[in-house]
N, C-alpha and C. Protein backbone atom coordinates (compact mmCIF):
# COMPACT_ATOMS: atom_id res chain seq x y z
N MET A 1 -43.66 32.89 40.67
CA MET A 1 -43.09 32.06 39.58
C MET A 1 -43.94 32.74 38.65
N SER A 2 -43.42 33.80 37.34
CA SER A 2 -43.52 34.22 36.33
C SER A 2 -44.06 33.72 34.93
N THR A 3 -45.07 33.84 34.62
CA THR A 3 -45.58 33.31 33.15
C THR A 3 -45.05 33.66 31.91
N PRO A 4 -44.48 32.91 31.31
CA PRO A 4 -43.53 33.16 29.91
C PRO A 4 -44.06 34.17 28.89
N THR A 5 -43.41 34.76 28.01
CA THR A 5 -44.35 36.03 27.45
C THR A 5 -43.81 35.00 26.46
N LYS A 6 -44.24 35.41 25.55
CA LYS A 6 -43.92 35.14 24.14
C LYS A 6 -42.73 35.88 23.28
N HIS A 7 -42.03 36.72 23.90
CA HIS A 7 -40.86 37.19 23.77
C HIS A 7 -40.02 36.17 24.52
N SER A 8 -39.85 35.86 25.37
CA SER A 8 -38.97 35.15 25.98
C SER A 8 -38.91 33.65 25.54
N VAL A 9 -40.07 33.17 25.39
CA VAL A 9 -39.81 32.05 24.63
C VAL A 9 -39.62 32.30 22.85
N THR A 10 -39.35 33.08 22.50
CA THR A 10 -38.93 33.19 21.05
C THR A 10 -37.19 33.24 21.72
N VAL A 11 -37.12 33.86 22.10
CA VAL A 11 -35.44 34.22 23.08
C VAL A 11 -35.16 33.01 22.72
N LYS A 12 -35.62 32.33 23.46
CA LYS A 12 -35.34 30.75 24.24
C LYS A 12 -34.54 29.98 23.06
N ALA A 13 -36.01 29.68 22.17
CA ALA A 13 -35.81 28.93 20.64
C ALA A 13 -34.44 30.08 19.89
N ALA A 14 -34.73 30.83 20.02
CA ALA A 14 -33.76 31.31 18.86
C ALA A 14 -32.06 30.56 19.72
N TRP A 15 -31.98 30.30 20.80
CA TRP A 15 -30.43 30.09 21.47
C TRP A 15 -30.97 28.87 21.02
N ILE A 16 -31.82 27.95 21.15
CA ILE A 16 -31.99 26.38 21.06
C ILE A 16 -31.04 26.28 19.48
N ASN A 17 -31.81 26.74 18.67
CA ASN A 17 -31.54 26.89 17.41
C ASN A 17 -29.52 27.13 17.30
N VAL A 18 -29.38 28.41 17.85
CA VAL A 18 -27.69 28.31 17.75
C VAL A 18 -26.93 27.74 18.19
N VAL A 19 -27.53 27.16 19.23
CA VAL A 19 -26.66 26.41 19.49
C VAL A 19 -26.61 24.23 19.19
N GLY A 20 -27.65 24.06 18.33
CA GLY A 20 -28.06 23.33 17.58
C GLY A 20 -27.15 23.37 16.18
N TYR A 21 -27.21 24.68 15.52
CA TYR A 21 -25.83 24.35 14.73
C TYR A 21 -25.00 24.96 14.66
N ILE A 22 -24.72 25.17 15.68
CA ILE A 22 -23.32 25.40 16.42
C ILE A 22 -22.61 23.46 16.68
N ALA A 23 -23.67 22.96 16.82
CA ALA A 23 -23.18 21.50 17.32
C ALA A 23 -23.21 20.68 16.28
N ALA A 24 -24.35 21.54 15.11
CA ALA A 24 -24.15 20.46 13.98
C ALA A 24 -23.05 21.04 13.12
N ALA A 25 -22.34 21.51 13.06
CA ALA A 25 -21.15 22.40 11.98
C ALA A 25 -19.44 21.80 12.72
N ILE A 26 -20.03 21.80 13.95
CA ILE A 26 -18.87 21.15 15.14
C ILE A 26 -18.91 19.55 14.61
N THR A 27 -19.74 18.85 14.70
CA THR A 27 -19.94 17.43 14.42
C THR A 27 -19.35 17.05 12.52
N THR A 28 -19.84 17.89 11.60
CA THR A 28 -19.47 17.87 10.39
C THR A 28 -17.91 17.86 10.28
N ALA A 29 -17.44 19.01 10.84
CA ALA A 29 -15.91 18.65 10.84
C ALA A 29 -14.73 17.82 11.31
N LEU A 30 -15.67 17.56 12.14
CA LEU A 30 -14.83 16.12 12.63
C LEU A 30 -14.82 15.17 11.78
N LEU A 31 -15.86 14.83 11.15
CA LEU A 31 -16.23 14.02 10.31
C LEU A 31 -15.99 13.63 9.63
N GLY A 32 -15.10 15.19 8.83
CA GLY A 32 -14.78 15.63 7.64
C GLY A 32 -13.44 15.13 8.03
N ALA A 33 -12.84 15.85 9.08
CA ALA A 33 -11.62 15.43 9.39
C ALA A 33 -11.04 14.10 9.30
N LEU A 34 -11.96 12.95 10.19
CA LEU A 34 -12.02 11.97 10.11
C LEU A 34 -11.50 11.07 8.67
N PHE A 35 -12.87 11.54 7.80
CA PHE A 35 -12.61 10.52 6.78
C PHE A 35 -11.21 11.14 5.74
N ALA A 36 -11.21 12.65 6.09
CA ALA A 36 -9.88 12.54 5.37
C ALA A 36 -8.71 12.33 5.55
N ALA A 37 -8.63 12.07 6.82
CA ALA A 37 -7.36 11.28 7.75
C ALA A 37 -7.24 9.66 7.29
N LEU A 38 -8.89 8.97 7.42
CA LEU A 38 -8.78 7.34 7.05
C LEU A 38 -8.55 7.50 5.31
N LEU A 39 -8.82 8.02 4.60
CA LEU A 39 -8.71 8.04 3.27
C LEU A 39 -7.01 9.00 2.98
N ARG A 40 -6.52 9.04 3.42
CA ARG A 40 -4.91 9.52 2.99
C ARG A 40 -3.80 8.73 3.17
N PRO A 41 -2.95 8.22 1.88
CA PRO A 41 -2.34 7.55 2.36
C PRO A 41 -1.09 7.67 3.54
N SER A 42 -1.18 6.67 3.77
CA SER A 42 0.14 6.29 4.98
C SER A 42 1.29 7.02 5.17
N PRO A 43 1.12 7.97 5.57
CA PRO A 43 2.43 8.88 5.92
C PRO A 43 4.18 8.15 5.91
N ARG A 44 3.62 7.17 6.86
CA ARG A 44 4.85 6.36 7.34
C ARG A 44 5.83 5.76 5.66
N LEU A 45 4.77 6.07 4.81
CA LEU A 45 6.02 5.65 3.32
C LEU A 45 6.83 6.51 3.37
N SER A 46 6.78 7.88 3.49
CA SER A 46 8.63 8.54 3.42
C SER A 46 9.26 8.57 4.20
N PHE A 47 9.28 7.81 5.60
CA PHE A 47 10.21 7.48 6.11
C PHE A 47 10.47 6.77 6.32
N HIS A 48 9.60 5.33 5.88
CA HIS A 48 9.75 3.99 6.32
C HIS A 48 10.79 3.27 4.92
N ALA A 49 10.72 3.83 3.62
CA ALA A 49 11.02 3.61 2.66
C ALA A 49 12.53 3.72 1.80
N VAL A 50 13.28 2.39 1.47
CA VAL A 50 14.77 2.86 1.14
C VAL A 50 14.89 4.60 0.37
N PRO A 51 15.57 5.01 0.58
CA PRO A 51 15.81 6.38 -0.09
C PRO A 51 16.04 6.49 -1.42
N LYS A 52 15.24 6.98 -2.13
CA LYS A 52 14.81 6.57 -3.89
C LYS A 52 16.26 6.73 -4.12
N ASP A 53 17.53 7.68 -3.90
CA ASP A 53 18.65 8.33 -4.19
C ASP A 53 19.66 6.46 -3.61
N ALA A 54 19.33 5.23 -2.96
CA ALA A 54 20.10 5.24 -2.49
C ALA A 54 20.25 3.61 -3.95
N PRO A 55 21.75 2.80 -3.98
CA PRO A 55 21.63 1.88 -4.82
C PRO A 55 20.68 0.77 -4.41
N VAL A 56 20.02 0.38 -5.18
CA VAL A 56 19.42 -0.99 -4.69
C VAL A 56 20.11 -1.93 -4.13
N ALA A 57 20.94 -2.58 -4.53
CA ALA A 57 21.78 -3.73 -4.36
C ALA A 57 21.83 -3.94 -2.78
N ALA A 58 22.19 -2.16 -2.61
CA ALA A 58 22.88 -1.82 -1.32
C ALA A 58 22.45 -2.11 0.13
N THR A 59 20.61 -2.37 -0.03
CA THR A 59 20.31 -2.25 1.04
C THR A 59 19.73 -3.72 2.04
N THR A 60 20.24 -3.62 2.87
CA THR A 60 20.33 -5.28 3.87
C THR A 60 19.28 -5.32 4.92
N HIS A 61 17.88 -4.50 4.98
CA HIS A 61 16.96 -4.78 6.02
C HIS A 61 15.80 -4.88 4.79
N PRO A 62 14.36 -5.32 5.58
CA PRO A 62 13.52 -5.23 4.57
C PRO A 62 13.30 -3.44 4.51
N ALA A 63 12.65 -3.44 3.43
CA ALA A 63 12.39 -1.50 3.15
C ALA A 63 10.49 -2.08 2.98
N TYR A 64 9.91 -1.22 3.92
CA TYR A 64 8.39 -0.63 4.67
C TYR A 64 8.11 0.14 3.11
N PRO A 65 7.23 0.13 3.03
CA PRO A 65 5.98 -0.91 3.26
C PRO A 65 6.28 -1.72 2.44
N LEU A 66 5.33 -3.00 2.67
CA LEU A 66 5.65 -4.18 2.62
C LEU A 66 4.37 -4.42 1.54
N PRO A 67 4.72 -5.69 0.73
CA PRO A 67 3.55 -5.89 -0.13
C PRO A 67 1.91 -6.06 0.75
N HIS A 68 1.72 -6.62 1.55
CA HIS A 68 0.71 -6.67 2.13
C HIS A 68 0.53 -5.11 3.13
N GLU A 69 1.09 -4.97 3.38
CA GLU A 69 0.65 -3.02 3.40
C GLU A 69 0.04 -2.09 2.59
N ILE A 70 0.98 -2.10 1.45
CA ILE A 70 0.12 -1.58 0.30
C ILE A 70 -1.14 -2.27 0.16
N ALA A 71 -0.97 -3.41 0.08
CA ALA A 71 -2.51 -3.92 -0.36
C ALA A 71 -3.44 -3.53 0.95
N ALA A 72 -3.06 -3.60 1.61
CA ALA A 72 -4.02 -3.02 2.98
C ALA A 72 -4.30 -1.61 3.02
N GLU A 73 -3.57 -1.14 2.41
CA GLU A 73 -3.63 1.03 2.26
C GLU A 73 -4.76 1.12 0.98
N ARG A 74 -4.29 -0.13 -0.12
CA ARG A 74 -5.24 0.21 -1.29
C ARG A 74 -6.68 -0.41 -0.73
N ALA A 75 -7.29 -1.43 -0.23
CA ALA A 75 -8.07 -1.79 0.38
C ALA A 75 -8.85 -0.98 1.42
N ARG A 76 -7.95 -0.07 1.85
CA ARG A 76 -8.86 0.98 2.62
C ARG A 76 -9.57 2.44 2.06
N VAL A 77 -9.39 2.57 1.10
CA VAL A 77 -9.97 3.64 0.23
C VAL A 77 -10.94 2.86 -1.17
N PRO A 78 -12.06 4.19 -1.29
CA PRO A 78 -12.94 3.63 -2.39
C PRO A 78 -12.23 3.16 -3.65
N PRO A 79 -13.07 2.52 -4.58
CA PRO A 79 -12.08 1.95 -5.77
C PRO A 79 -11.95 2.95 -6.42
N PHE A 80 -12.28 4.18 -7.09
CA PHE A 80 -11.77 5.17 -7.96
C PHE A 80 -10.46 5.82 -7.08
N GLN A 81 -10.07 6.27 -6.41
CA GLN A 81 -9.04 6.53 -5.46
C GLN A 81 -8.05 5.57 -5.12
N ARG A 82 -8.27 4.55 -5.77
CA ARG A 82 -7.19 3.46 -5.84
C ARG A 82 -5.39 3.65 -6.13
N SER A 83 -6.16 4.07 -8.01
CA SER A 83 -5.13 4.61 -8.70
C SER A 83 -3.94 5.47 -8.15
N GLU A 84 -4.76 6.38 -7.20
CA GLU A 84 -4.04 7.99 -6.49
C GLU A 84 -2.91 7.29 -5.44
N VAL A 85 -3.43 6.32 -4.67
CA VAL A 85 -2.69 5.26 -3.84
C VAL A 85 -1.66 4.53 -4.18
N ALA A 86 -1.96 3.92 -5.46
CA ALA A 86 -0.73 3.56 -5.94
C ALA A 86 0.18 3.90 -6.30
N LYS A 87 0.25 5.50 -7.14
CA LYS A 87 1.05 6.31 -7.56
C LYS A 87 1.77 6.69 -6.27
N HIS A 88 1.88 6.79 -4.93
CA HIS A 88 2.39 6.91 -4.10
C HIS A 88 3.64 6.12 -3.61
N TYR A 89 3.55 4.96 -4.31
CA TYR A 89 4.74 3.89 -4.17
C TYR A 89 5.64 3.69 -5.17
N GLU A 90 5.41 4.13 -6.46
CA GLU A 90 6.15 3.86 -7.41
C GLU A 90 7.27 4.88 -7.14
N GLY A 91 8.62 4.41 -7.87
CA GLY A 91 9.80 4.93 -7.68
C GLY A 91 10.64 4.25 -6.22
N LEU A 92 9.61 4.11 -5.28
CA LEU A 92 10.39 3.57 -3.84
C LEU A 92 11.35 2.26 -4.34
N LYS A 93 12.69 2.11 -3.81
CA LYS A 93 13.53 1.50 -3.79
C LYS A 93 12.93 0.12 -2.86
N VAL A 94 13.14 -0.81 -2.73
CA VAL A 94 12.98 -1.88 -1.50
C VAL A 94 13.69 -2.78 -1.73
N SER A 95 13.52 -3.87 -0.68
CA SER A 95 14.03 -4.63 -0.36
C SER A 95 13.28 -5.79 1.03
N TRP A 96 12.80 -6.87 0.05
CA TRP A 96 11.99 -7.92 0.96
C TRP A 96 12.39 -8.95 0.72
N GLU A 97 11.55 -9.48 1.87
CA GLU A 97 12.15 -11.31 2.16
C GLU A 97 10.73 -11.75 1.52
N VAL A 98 10.69 -13.28 0.53
CA VAL A 98 9.52 -13.32 -0.03
C VAL A 98 9.69 -14.71 -0.19
N TYR A 99 9.06 -15.14 -0.49
CA TYR A 99 9.16 -17.09 -0.94
C TYR A 99 8.56 -16.84 -2.53
N LEU A 100 9.43 -17.92 -3.00
CA LEU A 100 9.09 -18.09 -4.74
C LEU A 100 7.90 -18.80 -4.80
N ASP A 101 7.37 -17.91 -5.99
CA ASP A 101 5.90 -18.28 -5.90
C ASP A 101 5.96 -19.53 -7.83
N SER A 102 6.39 -18.61 -8.55
CA SER A 102 6.74 -19.08 -9.77
C SER A 102 7.78 -18.51 -10.80
N VAL A 103 7.88 -19.40 -11.58
CA VAL A 103 8.77 -18.78 -12.72
C VAL A 103 8.34 -18.80 -14.49
N GLU A 104 7.93 -18.01 -15.22
CA GLU A 104 7.48 -18.18 -16.84
C GLU A 104 8.90 -17.93 -17.14
N THR A 105 8.67 -18.89 -18.49
CA THR A 105 9.92 -18.30 -19.48
C THR A 105 9.06 -17.83 -20.53
N VAL A 106 9.70 -16.21 -20.79
CA VAL A 106 9.22 -15.62 -22.17
C VAL A 106 10.13 -15.38 -22.52
N GLY A 107 11.63 -16.09 -22.81
CA GLY A 107 12.58 -15.98 -24.41
C GLY A 107 13.18 -17.43 -23.58
N PRO A 108 14.26 -17.01 -24.78
CA PRO A 108 15.52 -18.17 -24.41
C PRO A 108 15.69 -18.00 -23.23
N ASN A 109 15.83 -16.93 -22.82
CA ASN A 109 17.48 -16.23 -22.06
C ASN A 109 16.63 -15.13 -20.70
N SER A 110 14.97 -15.67 -20.88
CA SER A 110 14.83 -14.88 -19.72
C SER A 110 13.46 -15.18 -19.25
N VAL A 111 13.02 -14.11 -17.71
CA VAL A 111 11.98 -15.17 -17.63
C VAL A 111 11.15 -13.74 -16.02
N ASN A 112 10.03 -14.29 -16.68
CA ASN A 112 9.10 -13.64 -15.34
C ASN A 112 8.85 -14.89 -13.92
N VAL A 113 9.46 -13.74 -12.85
CA VAL A 113 9.34 -14.42 -11.26
C VAL A 113 8.11 -13.93 -10.40
N ASP A 114 6.91 -14.70 -10.25
CA ASP A 114 6.19 -14.16 -9.00
C ASP A 114 7.10 -14.65 -7.93
N PHE A 115 6.65 -13.24 -6.56
CA PHE A 115 6.94 -13.91 -5.90
C PHE A 115 5.47 -13.47 -4.28
N GLN A 116 5.88 -14.78 -3.43
CA GLN A 116 4.62 -14.52 -2.45
C GLN A 116 5.23 -13.10 -0.89
N ASP A 117 4.14 -12.91 -0.44
CA ASP A 117 4.44 -12.01 0.83
C ASP A 117 4.39 -12.58 1.74
N PRO A 118 5.81 -13.04 2.65
CA PRO A 118 5.24 -13.83 3.46
C PRO A 118 4.71 -13.91 5.14
N THR A 119 4.59 -12.39 5.15
CA THR A 119 4.43 -12.15 6.30
C THR A 119 2.68 -11.74 6.40
N GLY A 120 1.56 -12.33 5.59
CA GLY A 120 0.40 -12.14 5.99
C GLY A 120 -0.53 -11.21 5.36
N GLY A 121 -1.51 -10.85 5.94
CA GLY A 121 -2.11 -9.83 5.47
C GLY A 121 -3.18 -10.54 4.31
N PRO A 122 -3.24 -8.95 3.45
CA PRO A 122 -4.53 -9.76 1.95
C PRO A 122 -3.55 -10.33 1.21
N PRO A 123 -4.31 -10.63 0.52
CA PRO A 123 -3.25 -11.69 -0.88
C PRO A 123 -2.38 -11.01 -1.44
N SER A 124 -0.90 -10.85 -1.58
CA SER A 124 -0.36 -9.96 -2.10
C SER A 124 1.53 -10.26 -2.39
N GLY A 125 1.77 -9.99 -3.60
CA GLY A 125 2.94 -10.41 -3.74
C GLY A 125 3.85 -9.15 -4.83
N THR A 126 4.66 -9.81 -4.93
CA THR A 126 5.25 -9.02 -6.10
C THR A 126 5.48 -9.61 -7.43
N ARG A 127 6.34 -9.46 -8.24
CA ARG A 127 6.92 -9.49 -9.79
C ARG A 127 8.27 -8.75 -9.98
N CYS A 128 9.30 -10.00 -10.49
CA CYS A 128 10.04 -9.36 -11.17
C CYS A 128 9.26 -9.74 -13.17
N ASN A 129 9.96 -8.75 -13.63
CA ASN A 129 9.67 -9.48 -15.26
C ASN A 129 10.67 -9.03 -16.07
N ASN A 130 11.33 -9.99 -16.99
CA ASN A 130 12.54 -10.39 -17.52
C ASN A 130 13.90 -10.44 -17.03
N ILE A 131 13.77 -11.60 -16.26
CA ILE A 131 14.90 -11.47 -15.16
C ILE A 131 16.20 -12.56 -16.40
N PRO A 132 17.39 -12.01 -16.39
CA PRO A 132 18.16 -13.01 -17.04
C PRO A 132 18.51 -14.15 -16.38
N LEU A 133 18.17 -15.39 -16.76
CA LEU A 133 18.88 -16.84 -16.10
C LEU A 133 20.04 -16.72 -16.19
N ALA A 134 21.50 -15.78 -17.24
CA ALA A 134 22.29 -16.13 -17.01
C ALA A 134 22.67 -15.71 -15.44
N ASP A 135 21.82 -14.57 -15.22
CA ASP A 135 22.35 -14.12 -13.96
C ASP A 135 22.23 -14.67 -13.00
N ASN A 136 20.66 -15.79 -12.83
CA ASN A 136 19.76 -15.99 -12.10
C ASN A 136 19.82 -17.28 -12.25
N PRO A 137 20.90 -18.78 -12.20
CA PRO A 137 20.31 -19.47 -12.64
C PRO A 137 20.00 -20.48 -11.77
N GLU A 138 20.34 -20.14 -10.77
CA GLU A 138 19.33 -20.99 -9.72
C GLU A 138 17.75 -20.91 -9.47
N LEU A 139 17.65 -20.05 -10.40
CA LEU A 139 16.02 -20.46 -10.73
C LEU A 139 15.33 -21.51 -11.52
N LYS A 140 16.13 -21.86 -12.52
CA LYS A 140 16.14 -23.53 -12.71
C LYS A 140 15.77 -24.71 -11.89
N ILE A 141 16.19 -24.20 -10.81
CA ILE A 141 16.31 -25.76 -10.18
C ILE A 141 15.76 -25.21 -8.37
N LEU A 142 15.43 -23.87 -7.88
CA LEU A 142 14.81 -23.83 -6.88
C LEU A 142 12.92 -24.20 -7.21
N LYS A 143 12.87 -24.60 -5.97
CA LYS A 143 11.56 -25.38 -5.42
C LYS A 143 10.44 -23.73 -5.58
N GLY A 144 9.20 -24.24 -5.47
CA GLY A 144 8.29 -23.32 -5.01
C GLY A 144 7.85 -23.18 -3.13
N GLY A 145 8.42 -21.29 -2.93
CA GLY A 145 8.41 -21.79 -1.45
C GLY A 145 9.41 -21.15 -1.17
N ALA A 146 10.66 -21.38 -2.17
CA ALA A 146 12.05 -20.88 -1.38
C ALA A 146 12.08 -19.95 -1.27
N ARG A 147 12.69 -19.21 0.14
CA ARG A 147 12.35 -17.94 0.87
C ARG A 147 13.57 -17.21 0.14
N LEU A 148 13.64 -16.62 -0.46
CA LEU A 148 14.64 -15.51 -0.98
C LEU A 148 14.49 -14.01 -0.81
N ARG A 149 15.63 -13.09 -1.65
CA ARG A 149 15.49 -11.80 -1.22
C ARG A 149 15.12 -11.10 -2.61
N VAL A 150 14.35 -9.73 -2.86
CA VAL A 150 14.51 -9.73 -3.95
C VAL A 150 14.61 -8.24 -3.82
N ASP A 151 15.23 -7.25 -4.65
CA ASP A 151 15.95 -5.85 -4.30
C ASP A 151 15.14 -4.91 -5.50
N GLY A 152 14.52 -4.50 -5.76
CA GLY A 152 14.09 -3.51 -6.60
C GLY A 152 13.52 -2.19 -6.83
N ILE A 153 12.68 -1.61 -7.57
CA ILE A 153 12.34 -0.26 -7.60
C ILE A 153 10.47 -1.05 -8.32
N ILE A 154 10.05 -0.44 -7.20
CA ILE A 154 8.53 -0.03 -7.36
C ILE A 154 8.27 0.51 -8.62
N THR A 155 7.00 -0.09 -9.78
CA THR A 155 6.77 -0.24 -10.73
C THR A 155 5.17 0.54 -10.38
N GLY A 156 4.42 -0.23 -10.36
CA GLY A 156 2.85 0.55 -9.71
C GLY A 156 2.40 -0.77 -8.29
N VAL A 157 1.24 -0.59 -8.93
CA VAL A 157 0.20 -1.59 -8.32
C VAL A 157 -0.83 -2.04 -8.97
N GLU A 158 -0.70 -3.51 -9.23
CA GLU A 158 -1.50 -4.26 -9.71
C GLU A 158 -2.33 -4.60 -9.12
N GLU A 159 -4.07 -4.98 -9.54
CA GLU A 159 -4.79 -5.70 -8.70
C GLU A 159 -4.98 -6.58 -9.54
N ILE A 160 -5.05 -8.16 -9.87
CA ILE A 160 -5.46 -9.22 -10.27
C ILE A 160 -6.57 -9.99 -10.05
N ALA A 161 -7.69 -10.14 -11.04
CA ALA A 161 -8.58 -11.32 -10.61
C ALA A 161 -8.37 -12.56 -10.61
N PRO A 162 -9.50 -13.32 -10.10
CA PRO A 162 -10.12 -13.41 -9.75
C PRO A 162 -10.17 -13.13 -8.76
N HIS A 163 -9.64 -13.15 -7.56
CA HIS A 163 -8.68 -13.25 -6.53
C HIS A 163 -8.67 -12.17 -5.56
N PHE A 164 -8.52 -11.03 -6.85
CA PHE A 164 -8.78 -9.72 -5.89
C PHE A 164 -6.96 -9.49 -5.38
N ARG A 165 -6.01 -10.43 -5.80
CA ARG A 165 -4.69 -10.38 -5.39
C ARG A 165 -3.87 -9.41 -5.60
N VAL A 166 -3.75 -8.71 -4.46
CA VAL A 166 -2.53 -7.09 -4.94
C VAL A 166 -0.97 -7.70 -5.47
N VAL A 167 -0.31 -7.19 -6.73
CA VAL A 167 1.02 -7.64 -7.04
C VAL A 167 1.56 -6.67 -7.52
N VAL A 168 2.57 -6.48 -6.68
CA VAL A 168 3.59 -5.03 -6.80
C VAL A 168 5.07 -5.33 -7.56
N PRO A 169 4.88 -4.96 -8.96
CA PRO A 169 5.80 -5.19 -10.08
C PRO A 169 7.16 -4.58 -9.42
N LEU A 170 8.29 -4.62 -9.78
CA LEU A 170 9.70 -4.17 -9.53
C LEU A 170 10.37 -4.75 -10.95
N ARG A 171 11.42 -3.24 -11.19
CA ARG A 171 11.89 -3.46 -12.06
C ARG A 171 13.59 -3.37 -11.36
N ASP A 172 14.76 -3.21 -12.34
CA ASP A 172 15.55 -3.22 -11.72
C ASP A 172 16.12 -4.45 -10.78
N CYS A 173 15.59 -6.14 -11.16
CA CYS A 173 15.24 -6.32 -9.78
C CYS A 173 16.73 -7.70 -8.87
N VAL A 174 16.98 -7.54 -7.96
CA VAL A 174 18.10 -8.33 -7.20
C VAL A 174 17.43 -9.70 -7.03
N ILE A 175 17.54 -10.27 -7.23
CA ILE A 175 16.98 -12.04 -6.52
C ILE A 175 18.31 -12.62 -5.85
N ARG A 176 18.21 -12.77 -4.46
CA ARG A 176 19.05 -13.78 -4.22
C ARG A 176 18.68 -14.50 -3.07
N GLN A 177 19.81 -15.28 -2.34
CA GLN A 177 19.17 -15.94 -1.04
C GLN A 177 18.93 -15.62 -0.24
N TRP A 178 18.12 -15.71 1.07
CA TRP A 178 17.80 -14.86 1.79
C TRP A 178 19.07 -15.56 3.62
N ARG A 179 19.56 -14.96 3.86
CA ARG A 179 20.38 -14.87 4.82
C ARG A 179 20.20 -14.63 6.00
């Protein structure tokens, strides 16, 4: 057995350093890809949502994402990035099964209506503002928890304190009995 020379020890140490650098680079690249995938909004949005050119009232099945899925998606990203995630949902036409939560009078002939997402997940719901009572007289007598369908276009995603409930406001709302 030969005694290692100074040169062979140096070459071996250099190879160990090269292998260490390569392993560190691969690990960094893999972790970067993993974090990028986790922070990116779900690609499901583009093919599960009702097409933007479809008439709102023509939808007959729930459109995805549901309010609790939007809340979960928002919760996955750092607070600074949540407004960017919310922008991905704006303009989507949806048709959701909801439960009536509250009705607030905002004028002599209109109300704001809050709904709860019945599917679970993070606390979430949706809101329709300035709904004409002439078009929805049943809102005067419906009890809280009534099962309804609401169709509309997402205008944003809001987080309401103190319970950090995520609310998805809709415009062009159509409220009807669930069938």
